[in-house]
Amino acid sequence: MALVNLFPLSIAAKTLESPPIHEYQKMSQKIQELVPPNLERNEWFGDSAMHDCVHLLPEFDWLTSQVERLCTQYVYDLGYDTRQLSLFHHRSWLNLFRTGGVAAPHKHHSSDLTFVYYFHKDQRSHGGELIFENVHYQNRIIRGLDQGRQRHLFRESNEHNFTSMTFPTETGNYFIFPSNTTHLSGVLTEYGEPMIIITYDVMITTKLNVHPLKYEFIPPHPINYQEFKNV
């Protein structure tokens, strides 16, 4: 029987060209300034620490420009008319993982797209994979079935029955995906240096030349916004 897969989740999973050495050095130096010294935790998330958004820092201009180019291409590849859409950097931050570090399952609730860049991962490291969970389980024909705990029931694990997808990671890898996608990381083990990940959250609105009342399901360009004055 031929099976047709419907409603795929489309993720960009590729490797970014290496930055010019002077750009890499600028980012590395700034990262050292942003990460607190003498961290004792296994993982550190810059959004929780509320450091400056990296897209506002000139040291990250090279990476920020790559994010803009690649996210625009991702939206275009999904079939959207990018001539009507504006993309905005919304939030961006650093993440650091040491041995035993892990990111629990989560979503990015306030943005539309998420760009994750593996700035540095020690070649001696293991783990630290990026994992996407299949929270919809369209093919769950047996109620309560979880492939992770009941693998013996499956003849094989494939795209028809998987409950999660794991991507190995290394320096230079990047991923683009809808921000409401549940994702997590594998535990980082056996490292010499911390793993550094840079995350960008992106919002999408209509372009400035699109009438603000044309679409009811997408925010109009922010130039149309007006903050309450008498509150």
C-alpha atoms as a PDB file:
ATOM      1  CA  MET A   1       0.000   0.000   0.000  1.00  0.00           C
ATOM      2  CA  ALA A   2       1.402   3.410  -0.973  1.00  0.00           C
ATOM      3  CA  LEU A   3       1.236   5.966   1.845  1.00  0.00           C
ATOM      4  CA  VAL A   4       1.023   9.703   1.184  1.00  0.00           C
ATOM      5  CA  ASN A   5       2.537  11.968   3.861  1.00  0.00           C
ATOM      6  CA  LEU A   6       0.450  15.074   4.530  1.00  0.00           C
ATOM      7  CA  PHE A   7       1.087  18.259   6.466  1.00  0.00           C
ATOM      8  CA  PRO A   8       4.882  18.039   6.821  1.00  0.00           C
ATOM      9  CA  LEU A   9       6.874  20.220   9.194  1.00  0.00           C
ATOM     10  CA  SER A  10       9.474  21.944   7.021  1.00  0.00           C
ATOM     11  CA  ILE A  11      12.742  22.740   8.791  1.00  0.00           C
ATOM     12  CA  ALA A  12      15.877  24.273   7.295  1.00  0.00           C
ATOM     13  CA  ALA A  13      18.808  22.221   8.596  1.00  0.00           C
ATOM     14  CA  LYS A  14      22.098  23.222   6.987  1.00  0.00           C
ATOM     15  CA  THR A  15      25.630  24.461   7.686  1.00  0.00           C
ATOM     16  CA  LEU A  16      26.515  28.126   7.493  1.00  0.00           C
ATOM     17  CA  GLU A  17      29.684  29.213   5.755  1.00  0.00           C
ATOM     18  CA  SER A  18      32.479  30.018   8.191  1.00  0.00           C
ATOM     19  CA  PRO A  19      32.569  33.707   9.129  1.00  0.00           C
ATOM     20  CA  PRO A  20      35.618  35.769   8.149  1.00  0.00           C
ATOM     21  CA  ILE A  21      38.256  35.455  10.850  1.00  0.00           C
ATOM     22  CA  HIS A  22      37.911  39.070  12.002  1.00  0.00           C
ATOM     23  CA  GLU A  23      34.130  38.654  12.315  1.00  0.00           C
ATOM     24  CA  TYR A  24      34.580  35.438  14.267  1.00  0.00           C
ATOM     25  CA  GLN A  25      37.022  37.142  16.617  1.00  0.00           C
ATOM     26  CA  LYS A  26      34.625  40.037  17.230  1.00  0.00           C
ATOM     27  CA  MET A  27      31.787  37.668  18.085  1.00  0.00           C
ATOM     28  CA  SER A  28      34.007  35.501  20.293  1.00  0.00           C
ATOM     29  CA  GLN A  29      35.241  38.468  22.299  1.00  0.00           C
ATOM     30  CA  LYS A  30      31.721  39.824  22.796  1.00  0.00           C
ATOM     31  CA  ILE A  31      30.453  36.405  23.848  1.00  0.00           C
ATOM     32  CA  GLN A  32      33.105  36.296  26.555  1.00  0.00           C
ATOM     33  CA  GLU A  33      31.859  39.661  27.793  1.00  0.00           C
ATOM     34  CA  LEU A  34      28.191  38.600  27.834  1.00  0.00           C
ATOM     35  CA  VAL A  35      28.594  35.240  29.546  1.00  0.00           C
ATOM     36  CA  PRO A  36      29.016  35.581  33.324  1.00  0.00           C
ATOM     37  CA  PRO A  37      32.410  34.338  34.582  1.00  0.00           C
ATOM     38  CA  ASN A  38      32.742  31.271  36.802  1.00  0.00           C
ATOM     39  CA  LEU A  39      29.417  29.730  35.878  1.00  0.00           C
ATOM     40  CA  GLU A  40      28.644  26.707  38.018  1.00  0.00           C
ATOM     41  CA  ARG A  41      25.501  25.600  36.194  1.00  0.00           C
ATOM     42  CA  ASN A  42      25.512  23.060  33.369  1.00  0.00           C
ATOM     43  CA  GLU A  43      23.498  25.352  31.117  1.00  0.00           C
ATOM     44  CA  TRP A  44      23.006  29.098  30.851  1.00  0.00           C
ATOM     45  CA  PHE A  45      20.333  30.847  28.770  1.00  0.00           C
ATOM     46  CA  GLY A  46      20.924  34.460  27.833  1.00  0.00           C
ATOM     47  CA  ASP A  47      17.234  35.283  27.524  1.00  0.00           C
ATOM     48  CA  SER A  48      16.788  34.396  31.191  1.00  0.00           C
ATOM     49  CA  ALA A  49      19.821  36.533  32.040  1.00  0.00           C
ATOM     50  CA  MET A  50      18.333  39.343  29.920  1.00  0.00           C
ATOM     51  CA  HIS A  51      21.591  40.433  28.339  1.00  0.00           C
ATOM     52  CA  ASP A  52      21.460  42.713  25.303  1.00  0.00           C
ATOM     53  CA  CYS A  53      19.782  41.224  22.230  1.00  0.00           C
ATOM     54  CA  VAL A  54      22.615  40.198  19.929  1.00  0.00           C
ATOM     55  CA  HIS A  55      20.906  41.586  16.822  1.00  0.00           C
ATOM     56  CA  LEU A  56      21.395  45.052  18.343  1.00  0.00           C
ATOM     57  CA  LEU A  57      25.116  44.535  18.887  1.00  0.00           C
ATOM     58  CA  PRO A  58      27.506  45.526  16.059  1.00  0.00           C
ATOM     59  CA  GLU A  59      29.811  42.622  16.889  1.00  0.00           C
ATOM     60  CA  PHE A  60      27.156  40.274  15.502  1.00  0.00           C
ATOM     61  CA  ASP A  61      26.368  42.223  12.322  1.00  0.00           C
ATOM     62  CA  TRP A  62      27.780  39.490  10.083  1.00  0.00           C
ATOM     63  CA  LEU A  63      25.648  36.784  11.665  1.00  0.00           C
ATOM     64  CA  THR A  64      22.568  38.996  11.804  1.00  0.00           C
ATOM     65  CA  SER A  65      22.828  39.627   8.062  1.00  0.00           C
ATOM     66  CA  GLN A  66      23.040  35.867   7.448  1.00  0.00           C
ATOM     67  CA  VAL A  67      19.930  35.339   9.563  1.00  0.00           C
ATOM     68  CA  GLU A  68      18.046  37.913   7.491  1.00  0.00           C
ATOM     69  CA  ARG A  69      19.063  36.321   4.211  1.00  0.00           C
ATOM     70  CA  LEU A  70      18.352  32.749   5.253  1.00  0.00           C
ATOM     71  CA  CYS A  71      15.049  33.415   7.031  1.00  0.00           C
ATOM     72  CA  THR A  72      13.768  35.341   4.022  1.00  0.00           C
ATOM     73  CA  GLN A  73      14.755  32.433   1.773  1.00  0.00           C
ATOM     74  CA  TYR A  74      13.045  29.976   4.144  1.00  0.00           C
ATOM     75  CA  VAL A  75       9.769  31.921   3.989  1.00  0.00           C
ATOM     76  CA  TYR A  76      10.080  32.115   0.195  1.00  0.00           C
ATOM     77  CA  ASP A  77      10.756  28.373  -0.063  1.00  0.00           C
ATOM     78  CA  LEU A  78       7.577  27.684   1.916  1.00  0.00           C
ATOM     79  CA  GLY A  79       5.700  29.375  -0.927  1.00  0.00           C
ATOM     80  CA  TYR A  80       4.817  32.729   0.648  1.00  0.00           C
ATOM     81  CA  ASP A  81       4.850  35.958  -1.321  1.00  0.00           C
ATOM     82  CA  THR A  82       7.775  37.687   0.400  1.00  0.00           C
ATOM     83  CA  ARG A  83       6.990  40.878  -1.545  1.00  0.00           C
ATOM     84  CA  GLN A  84       4.097  41.397   0.878  1.00  0.00           C
ATOM     85  CA  LEU A  85       5.922  40.436   4.062  1.00  0.00           C
ATOM     86  CA  SER A  86       8.352  42.166   6.416  1.00  0.00           C
ATOM     87  CA  LEU A  87      10.522  40.208   8.819  1.00  0.00           C
ATOM     88  CA  PHE A  88      11.733  41.723  12.083  1.00  0.00           C
ATOM     89  CA  HIS A  89      14.353  40.684  14.592  1.00  0.00           C
ATOM     90  CA  HIS A  90      12.346  40.270  17.749  1.00  0.00           C
ATOM     91  CA  ARG A  91      14.600  38.678  20.374  1.00  0.00           C
ATOM     92  CA  SER A  92      18.082  37.154  20.187  1.00  0.00           C
ATOM     93  CA  TRP A  93      20.384  35.687  22.813  1.00  0.00           C
ATOM     94  CA  LEU A  94      23.237  33.347  23.684  1.00  0.00           C
ATOM     95  CA  ASN A  95      23.036  29.880  25.213  1.00  0.00           C
ATOM     96  CA  LEU A  96      25.922  28.035  26.855  1.00  0.00           C
ATOM     97  CA  PHE A  97      26.085  24.311  27.692  1.00  0.00           C
ATOM     98  CA  ARG A  98      28.646  22.416  29.732  1.00  0.00           C
ATOM     99  CA  THR A  99      28.818  18.681  30.469  1.00  0.00           C
ATOM    100  CA  GLY A 100      25.356  17.590  31.566  1.00  0.00           C
ATOM    101  CA  GLY A 101      23.710  20.677  30.081  1.00  0.00           C
ATOM    102  CA  VAL A 102      20.317  20.246  28.483  1.00  0.00           C
ATOM    103  CA  ALA A 103      17.382  22.339  27.283  1.00  0.00           C
ATOM    104  CA  ALA A 104      13.961  21.023  28.295  1.00  0.00           C
ATOM    105  CA  PRO A 105      11.109  20.805  25.742  1.00  0.00           C
ATOM    106  CA  HIS A 106       9.798  24.278  24.961  1.00  0.00           C
ATOM    107  CA  LYS A 107       8.370  26.615  22.332  1.00  0.00           C
ATOM    108  CA  HIS A 108       9.035  30.284  21.562  1.00  0.00           C
ATOM    109  CA  HIS A 109       5.583  31.698  22.103  1.00  0.00           C
ATOM    110  CA  SER A 110       6.072  35.340  21.140  1.00  0.00           C
ATOM    111  CA  SER A 111       7.652  34.957  17.679  1.00  0.00           C
ATOM    112  CA  ASP A 112       6.938  33.383  14.304  1.00  0.00           C
ATOM    113  CA  LEU A 113      10.303  31.979  13.203  1.00  0.00           C
ATOM    114  CA  THR A 114      13.285  30.766  15.192  1.00  0.00           C
ATOM    115  CA  PHE A 115      16.869  30.599  13.913  1.00  0.00           C
ATOM    116  CA  VAL A 116      19.342  28.515  15.936  1.00  0.00           C
ATOM    117  CA  TYR A 117      23.074  28.725  15.153  1.00  0.00           C
ATOM    118  CA  TYR A 118      25.755  26.482  16.656  1.00  0.00           C
ATOM    119  CA  PHE A 119      28.542  29.009  17.023  1.00  0.00           C
ATOM    120  CA  HIS A 120      30.893  26.562  18.705  1.00  0.00           C
ATOM    121  CA  LYS A 121      30.774  22.879  19.611  1.00  0.00           C
ATOM    122  CA  ASP A 122      33.947  21.152  20.722  1.00  0.00           C
ATOM    123  CA  GLN A 123      34.835  18.302  18.375  1.00  0.00           C
ATOM    124  CA  ARG A 124      35.377  16.113  21.437  1.00  0.00           C
ATOM    125  CA  SER A 125      31.798  16.677  22.589  1.00  0.00           C
ATOM    126  CA  HIS A 126      28.960  14.213  22.303  1.00  0.00           C
ATOM    127  CA  GLY A 127      25.257  14.867  22.661  1.00  0.00           C
ATOM    128  CA  GLY A 128      23.830  18.346  22.420  1.00  0.00           C
ATOM    129  CA  GLU A 129      21.569  17.286  19.554  1.00  0.00           C
ATOM    130  CA  LEU A 130      18.580  19.366  18.494  1.00  0.00           C
ATOM    131  CA  ILE A 131      15.412  17.352  18.936  1.00  0.00           C
ATOM    132  CA  PHE A 132      11.958  18.150  17.546  1.00  0.00           C
ATOM    133  CA  GLU A 133       8.947  16.511  19.134  1.00  0.00           C
ATOM    134  CA  ASN A 134       5.948  15.363  17.125  1.00  0.00           C
ATOM    135  CA  VAL A 135       3.267  16.724  19.420  1.00  0.00           C
ATOM    136  CA  HIS A 136       0.378  16.100  17.006  1.00  0.00           C
ATOM    137  CA  TYR A 137       0.834  12.357  16.441  1.00  0.00           C
ATOM    138  CA  GLN A 138      -1.352  12.278  13.344  1.00  0.00           C
ATOM    139  CA  ASN A 139      -0.708   8.547  12.952  1.00  0.00           C
ATOM    140  CA  ARG A 140      -1.336   7.563  16.567  1.00  0.00           C
ATOM    141  CA  ILE A 141      -3.837   4.794  15.884  1.00  0.00           C
ATOM    142  CA  ILE A 142      -3.341   3.266  19.337  1.00  0.00           C
ATOM    143  CA  ARG A 143      -4.407   5.597  22.119  1.00  0.00           C
ATOM    144  CA  GLY A 144      -1.685   6.638  24.543  1.00  0.00           C
ATOM    145  CA  LEU A 145       1.056   5.099  22.442  1.00  0.00           C
ATOM    146  CA  ASP A 146       4.518   6.606  22.919  1.00  0.00           C
ATOM    147  CA  GLN A 147       7.168   5.179  20.655  1.00  0.00           C
ATOM    148  CA  GLY A 148       9.896   6.273  23.031  1.00  0.00           C
ATOM    149  CA  ARG A 149       8.677   3.988  25.814  1.00  0.00           C
ATOM    150  CA  GLN A 150       7.091   1.204  23.754  1.00  0.00           C
ATOM    151  CA  ARG A 151       9.550   0.581  20.946  1.00  0.00           C
ATOM    152  CA  HIS A 152       8.955  -3.171  21.103  1.00  0.00           C
ATOM    153  CA  LEU A 153       5.566  -2.608  19.460  1.00  0.00           C
ATOM    154  CA  PHE A 154       7.165  -1.090  16.338  1.00  0.00           C
ATOM    155  CA  ARG A 155       8.630  -3.200  13.578  1.00  0.00           C
ATOM    156  CA  GLU A 156      10.601  -0.153  12.445  1.00  0.00           C
ATOM    157  CA  SER A 157      10.873   3.550  13.265  1.00  0.00           C
ATOM    158  CA  ASN A 158      10.105   5.778  10.295  1.00  0.00           C
ATOM    159  CA  GLU A 159       8.414   9.017   9.230  1.00  0.00           C
ATOM    160  CA  HIS A 160       4.979   7.439   9.618  1.00  0.00           C
ATOM    161  CA  ASN A 161       5.250   6.653  13.313  1.00  0.00           C
ATOM    162  CA  PHE A 162       8.049   8.723  14.835  1.00  0.00           C
ATOM    163  CA  THR A 163       7.380  10.762  17.964  1.00  0.00           C
ATOM    164  CA  SER A 164      10.551  12.836  17.705  1.00  0.00           C
ATOM    165  CA  MET A 165      13.322  13.638  15.227  1.00  0.00           C
ATOM    166  CA  THR A 166      16.928  14.142  16.326  1.00  0.00           C
ATOM    167  CA  PHE A 167      19.516  16.185  14.429  1.00  0.00           C
ATOM    168  CA  PRO A 168      23.200  15.742  15.321  1.00  0.00           C
ATOM    169  CA  THR A 169      24.926  19.118  15.667  1.00  0.00           C
ATOM    170  CA  GLU A 170      28.368  20.569  15.120  1.00  0.00           C
ATOM    171  CA  THR A 171      29.969  23.977  14.746  1.00  0.00           C
ATOM    172  CA  GLY A 172      28.365  25.965  11.925  1.00  0.00           C
ATOM    173  CA  ASN A 173      25.038  24.129  11.843  1.00  0.00           C
ATOM    174  CA  TYR A 174      21.897  26.252  11.695  1.00  0.00           C
ATOM    175  CA  PHE A 175      18.213  25.441  11.886  1.00  0.00           C
ATOM    176  CA  ILE A 176      15.149  27.504  10.960  1.00  0.00           C
ATOM    177  CA  PHE A 177      11.708  26.412  12.080  1.00  0.00           C
ATOM    178  CA  PRO A 178       8.311  27.766  13.162  1.00  0.00           C
ATOM    179  CA  SER A 179       8.652  29.138  16.677  1.00  0.00           C
ATOM    180  CA  ASN A 180       5.648  27.161  17.934  1.00  0.00           C
ATOM    181  CA  THR A 181       7.468  23.889  17.242  1.00  0.00           C
ATOM    182  CA  THR A 182       8.258  21.948  20.413  1.00  0.00           C
ATOM    183  CA  HIS A 183      12.011  21.376  20.591  1.00  0.00           C
ATOM    184  CA  LEU A 184      14.691  20.462  23.104  1.00  0.00           C
ATOM    185  CA  SER A 185      18.335  19.450  23.259  1.00  0.00           C
ATOM    186  CA  GLY A 186      20.103  16.226  24.049  1.00  0.00           C
ATOM    187  CA  VAL A 187      22.411  16.147  27.060  1.00  0.00           C
ATOM    188  CA  LEU A 188      25.910  17.423  26.269  1.00  0.00           C
ATOM    189  CA  THR A 189      28.653  15.030  27.343  1.00  0.00           C
ATOM    190  CA  GLU A 190      32.445  14.763  27.199  1.00  0.00           C
ATOM    191  CA  TYR A 191      33.439  18.262  26.245  1.00  0.00           C
ATOM    192  CA  GLY A 192      36.608  20.283  26.387  1.00  0.00           C
ATOM    193  CA  GLU A 193      35.018  23.688  25.812  1.00  0.00           C
ATOM    194  CA  PRO A 194      31.420  24.872  26.350  1.00  0.00           C
ATOM    195  CA  MET A 195      28.953  24.658  23.488  1.00  0.00           C
ATOM    196  CA  ILE A 196      27.746  28.106  22.398  1.00  0.00           C
ATOM    197  CA  ILE A 197      24.423  28.497  20.588  1.00  0.00           C
ATOM    198  CA  ILE A 198      23.004  31.779  19.293  1.00  0.00           C
ATOM    199  CA  THR A 199      19.236  32.042  18.892  1.00  0.00           C
ATOM    200  CA  TYR A 200      17.239  34.608  16.920  1.00  0.00           C
ATOM    201  CA  ASP A 201      13.462  34.986  17.148  1.00  0.00           C
ATOM    202  CA  VAL A 202      11.768  36.615  14.150  1.00  0.00           C
ATOM    203  CA  MET A 203       8.348  38.236  13.780  1.00  0.00           C
ATOM    204  CA  ILE A 204       6.481  38.576  10.478  1.00  0.00           C
ATOM    205  CA  THR A 205       4.136  41.398   9.469  1.00  0.00           C
ATOM    206  CA  THR A 206       2.883  42.804   6.210  1.00  0.00           C
ATOM    207  CA  LYS A 207       5.142  45.189   4.324  1.00  0.00           C
ATOM    208  CA  LEU A 208       4.798  48.934   4.634  1.00  0.00           C
ATOM    209  CA  ASN A 209       3.130  49.206   1.221  1.00  0.00           C
ATOM    210  CA  VAL A 210       0.413  46.652   2.118  1.00  0.00           C
ATOM    211  CA  HIS A 211      -2.767  48.281   3.399  1.00  0.00           C
ATOM    212  CA  PRO A 212      -3.098  47.602   7.157  1.00  0.00           C
ATOM    213  CA  LEU A 213      -6.670  46.358   6.710  1.00  0.00           C
ATOM    214  CA  LYS A 214      -5.917  43.933   3.862  1.00  0.00           C
ATOM    215  CA  TYR A 215      -5.296  40.859   6.042  1.00  0.00           C
ATOM    216  CA  GLU A 216      -6.922  40.123   9.375  1.00  0.00           C
ATOM    217  CA  PHE A 217      -4.680  37.177  10.261  1.00  0.00           C
ATOM    218  CA  ILE A 218      -1.250  38.834  10.109  1.00  0.00           C
ATOM    219  CA  PRO A 219      -0.120  41.977  11.957  1.00  0.00           C
ATOM    220  CA  PRO A 220       0.238  45.066   9.773  1.00  0.00           C
ATOM    221  CA  HIS A 221       3.575  46.831   9.521  1.00  0.00           C
ATOM    222  CA  PRO A 222       4.483  48.478  12.878  1.00  0.00           C
ATOM    223  CA  ILE A 223       4.487  51.927  11.336  1.00  0.00           C
ATOM    224  CA  ASN A 224       0.691  51.684  11.591  1.00  0.00           C
ATOM    225  CA  TYR A 225       0.821  51.220  15.356  1.00  0.00           C
ATOM    226  CA  GLN A 226       0.093  54.009  17.801  1.00  0.00           C
ATOM    227  CA  GLU A 227       0.672  53.630  21.511  1.00  0.00           C
ATOM    228  CA  PHE A 228      -2.060  54.821  23.878  1.00  0.00           C
ATOM    229  CA  LYS A 229      -1.283  58.383  24.914  1.00  0.00           C
ATOM    230  CA  ASN A 230      -3.565  58.994  27.896  1.00  0.00           C
ATOM    231  CA  VAL A 231      -2.943  55.943  30.035  1.00  0.00           C
END
